[in-house]
Amino acid sequence: MDFDLILKPGLTGEKNEAVTDDNTAESWGSGGLPVYATPSMIALMEGAAVNAVDKLLPAGWSTVGTELDVKHLSATPAGLEVRAVAELLEIDGRRLLFKVDAFDRAGKIGEGRHSRFIVENERFLQKTTGKKAGL
C-alpha cells in the first residue's frame, strides 16, 4: 500500500488533558513532586501524533510508536491544561516522523521527535499473540 498517497507532510494533530493528581510525577513514580509527569507528556504527544494520521488510514490499519527523543523543558502544576501538537514531517514507506511539542498556558513545556510505524492491525496482533504463546 502506498501511504504517501494518503498521508502528506504537514498533517497535524492535537491532544489536551488537565494536570490532575493521576498524571503527576509523584503518582507515576517518575519523581516525587506533584507536577505533570514526563511519561504523561510523552503519552499526550503520542496521542497527538495518532490524531494526526490514524483517522486517514484505511480500515484495519493504525500506527504504533517506535521511537521518541523528547525534552521536558518546564514543570506544570496540577490544575492547568496541557496541549500537545504533532506535525508529520516525513513519510518513509510505513515509517512516519513527527515533530512534537507540548504547551501549558505559560508556554512550551516539551519538544522532540517521534516515530511511528503503520501496521495492519490483525497481522500485528497475531505476532504479539505468538509471543505470548511462546512461539
Protein backbone atom coordinates (compact mmCIF):
# COMPACT_ATOMS: atom_id res chain seq x y z
CA MET A 1 0.00 0.00 0.00
CA ASP A 2 1.33 3.44 -0.93
CA PHE A 3 0.76 5.50 2.22
CA ASP A 4 2.29 8.70 0.84
CA LEU A 5 -0.78 8.95 -1.39
CA ILE A 6 -2.93 9.11 1.76
CA LEU A 7 -0.64 10.96 4.16
CA LYS A 8 1.26 14.17 3.45
CA PRO A 9 3.91 16.06 5.43
CA GLY A 10 2.34 18.96 7.28
CA LEU A 11 -0.60 17.00 8.73
CA THR A 12 -1.15 17.96 12.35
CA GLY A 13 -2.95 16.55 15.35
CA GLU A 14 -3.57 17.74 18.89
CA LYS A 15 -4.49 16.27 22.23
CA ASN A 16 -5.27 18.01 25.53
CA GLU A 17 -5.52 17.00 29.15
CA ALA A 18 -5.76 18.62 32.55
CA VAL A 19 -2.98 18.03 35.05
CA THR A 20 -4.51 16.07 37.92
CA ASP A 21 -3.15 14.02 40.79
CA ASP A 22 -3.31 10.95 38.49
CA ASN A 23 -0.79 12.22 35.91
CA THR A 24 1.85 13.80 38.15
CA ALA A 25 5.42 12.62 38.63
CA GLU A 26 4.53 11.74 42.20
CA SER A 27 1.71 9.45 41.01
CA TRP A 28 3.72 7.86 38.18
CA GLY A 29 6.75 7.27 40.40
CA SER A 30 8.90 9.21 37.93
CA GLY A 31 9.67 11.79 40.61
CA GLY A 32 8.46 12.93 43.97
CA LEU A 33 6.72 16.19 43.14
CA PRO A 34 3.07 16.93 42.29
CA VAL A 35 3.84 18.29 38.78
CA TYR A 36 2.98 16.96 35.30
CA ALA A 37 4.92 13.74 34.74
CA THR A 38 7.23 13.26 31.78
CA PRO A 39 5.57 9.90 30.95
CA SER A 40 2.21 11.69 30.84
CA MET A 41 3.60 14.34 28.48
CA ILE A 42 5.05 11.65 26.23
CA ALA A 43 1.73 9.79 26.09
CA LEU A 44 -0.03 13.06 25.23
CA MET A 45 2.48 13.71 22.41
CA GLU A 46 1.94 10.20 21.06
CA GLY A 47 -1.81 10.76 21.19
CA ALA A 48 -1.42 13.96 19.17
CA ALA A 49 0.53 12.03 16.52
CA VAL A 50 -2.17 9.34 16.42
CA ASN A 51 -4.79 12.07 15.99
CA ALA A 52 -2.84 13.49 13.03
CA VAL A 53 -2.86 10.36 10.89
CA ASP A 54 -4.78 7.31 12.13
CA LYS A 55 -8.17 8.65 11.03
CA LEU A 56 -6.86 8.85 7.45
CA LEU A 57 -5.66 5.24 7.24
CA PRO A 58 -7.78 2.50 5.66
CA ALA A 59 -9.98 0.41 7.96
CA GLY A 60 -7.92 -2.21 9.76
CA TRP A 61 -4.73 -0.14 9.82
CA SER A 62 -3.24 2.05 12.57
CA THR A 63 0.12 3.26 13.85
CA VAL A 64 2.34 2.16 16.71
CA GLY A 65 5.00 4.23 18.42
CA THR A 66 8.57 3.11 17.75
CA GLU A 67 10.91 5.91 18.84
CA LEU A 68 10.94 9.05 20.98
CA ASP A 69 13.52 11.79 21.50
CA VAL A 70 11.83 14.25 23.85
CA LYS A 71 12.88 17.01 26.23
CA HIS A 72 10.68 18.04 29.15
CA LEU A 73 11.50 21.75 29.43
CA SER A 74 9.25 23.11 32.17
CA ALA A 75 7.13 21.87 35.06
CA THR A 76 3.34 22.23 35.05
CA PRO A 77 1.41 22.17 38.33
CA ALA A 78 -1.89 20.38 38.92
CA GLY A 79 -4.94 22.32 37.77
CA LEU A 80 -3.51 23.56 34.46
CA GLU A 81 -4.30 22.26 30.98
CA VAL A 82 -1.58 20.77 28.76
CA ARG A 83 -1.84 20.64 24.95
CA ALA A 84 0.34 18.52 22.69
CA VAL A 85 0.74 19.17 18.97
CA ALA A 86 2.25 16.75 16.45
CA GLU A 87 3.24 17.62 12.89
CA LEU A 88 4.04 14.93 10.33
CA LEU A 89 7.47 15.77 8.90
CA GLU A 90 8.38 12.75 6.83
CA ILE A 91 6.96 9.55 5.36
CA ASP A 92 9.37 6.72 4.54
CA GLY A 93 7.31 3.74 3.44
CA ARG A 94 5.40 2.84 6.59
CA ARG A 95 7.67 4.83 8.93
CA LEU A 96 6.38 8.26 9.97
CA LEU A 97 8.42 11.01 11.64
CA PHE A 98 6.71 13.72 13.70
CA LYS A 99 7.78 16.95 15.37
CA VAL A 100 6.04 17.01 18.76
CA ASP A 101 5.56 19.91 21.17
CA ALA A 102 3.67 20.37 24.42
CA PHE A 103 2.39 23.60 25.96
CA ASP A 104 0.71 24.93 29.07
CA ARG A 105 -0.64 28.46 29.48
CA ALA A 106 2.87 29.78 30.25
CA GLY A 107 4.37 28.42 27.01
CA LYS A 108 6.27 25.42 25.68
CA ILE A 109 6.92 22.67 28.22
CA GLY A 110 8.23 19.93 25.93
CA GLU A 111 9.58 19.26 22.45
CA GLY A 112 11.04 16.50 20.39
CA ARG A 113 10.72 13.97 17.60
CA HIS A 114 8.55 10.88 17.50
CA SER A 115 8.48 7.99 15.04
CA ARG A 116 5.50 5.76 14.39
CA PHE A 117 5.07 2.76 12.10
CA ILE A 118 1.93 1.94 10.10
CA VAL A 119 0.68 -1.57 10.83
CA GLU A 120 -2.11 -3.81 9.68
CA ASN A 121 -3.92 -4.39 12.98
CA GLU A 122 -4.81 -8.07 12.64
CA ARG A 123 -1.38 -9.10 11.39
CA PHE A 124 0.35 -7.05 14.09
CA LEU A 125 -1.78 -8.59 16.85
CA GLN A 126 -1.15 -12.10 15.50
CA LYS A 127 2.58 -11.53 16.03
CA THR A 128 2.03 -10.48 19.64
CA THR A 129 -0.21 -13.50 20.29
CA GLY A 130 2.59 -15.77 19.10
CA LYS A 131 4.95 -14.17 21.61
CA LYS A 132 2.51 -14.81 24.47
CA ALA A 133 2.18 -18.46 23.45
CA GLY A 134 5.98 -18.82 23.33
CA LEU A 135 6.02 -19.46 19.58
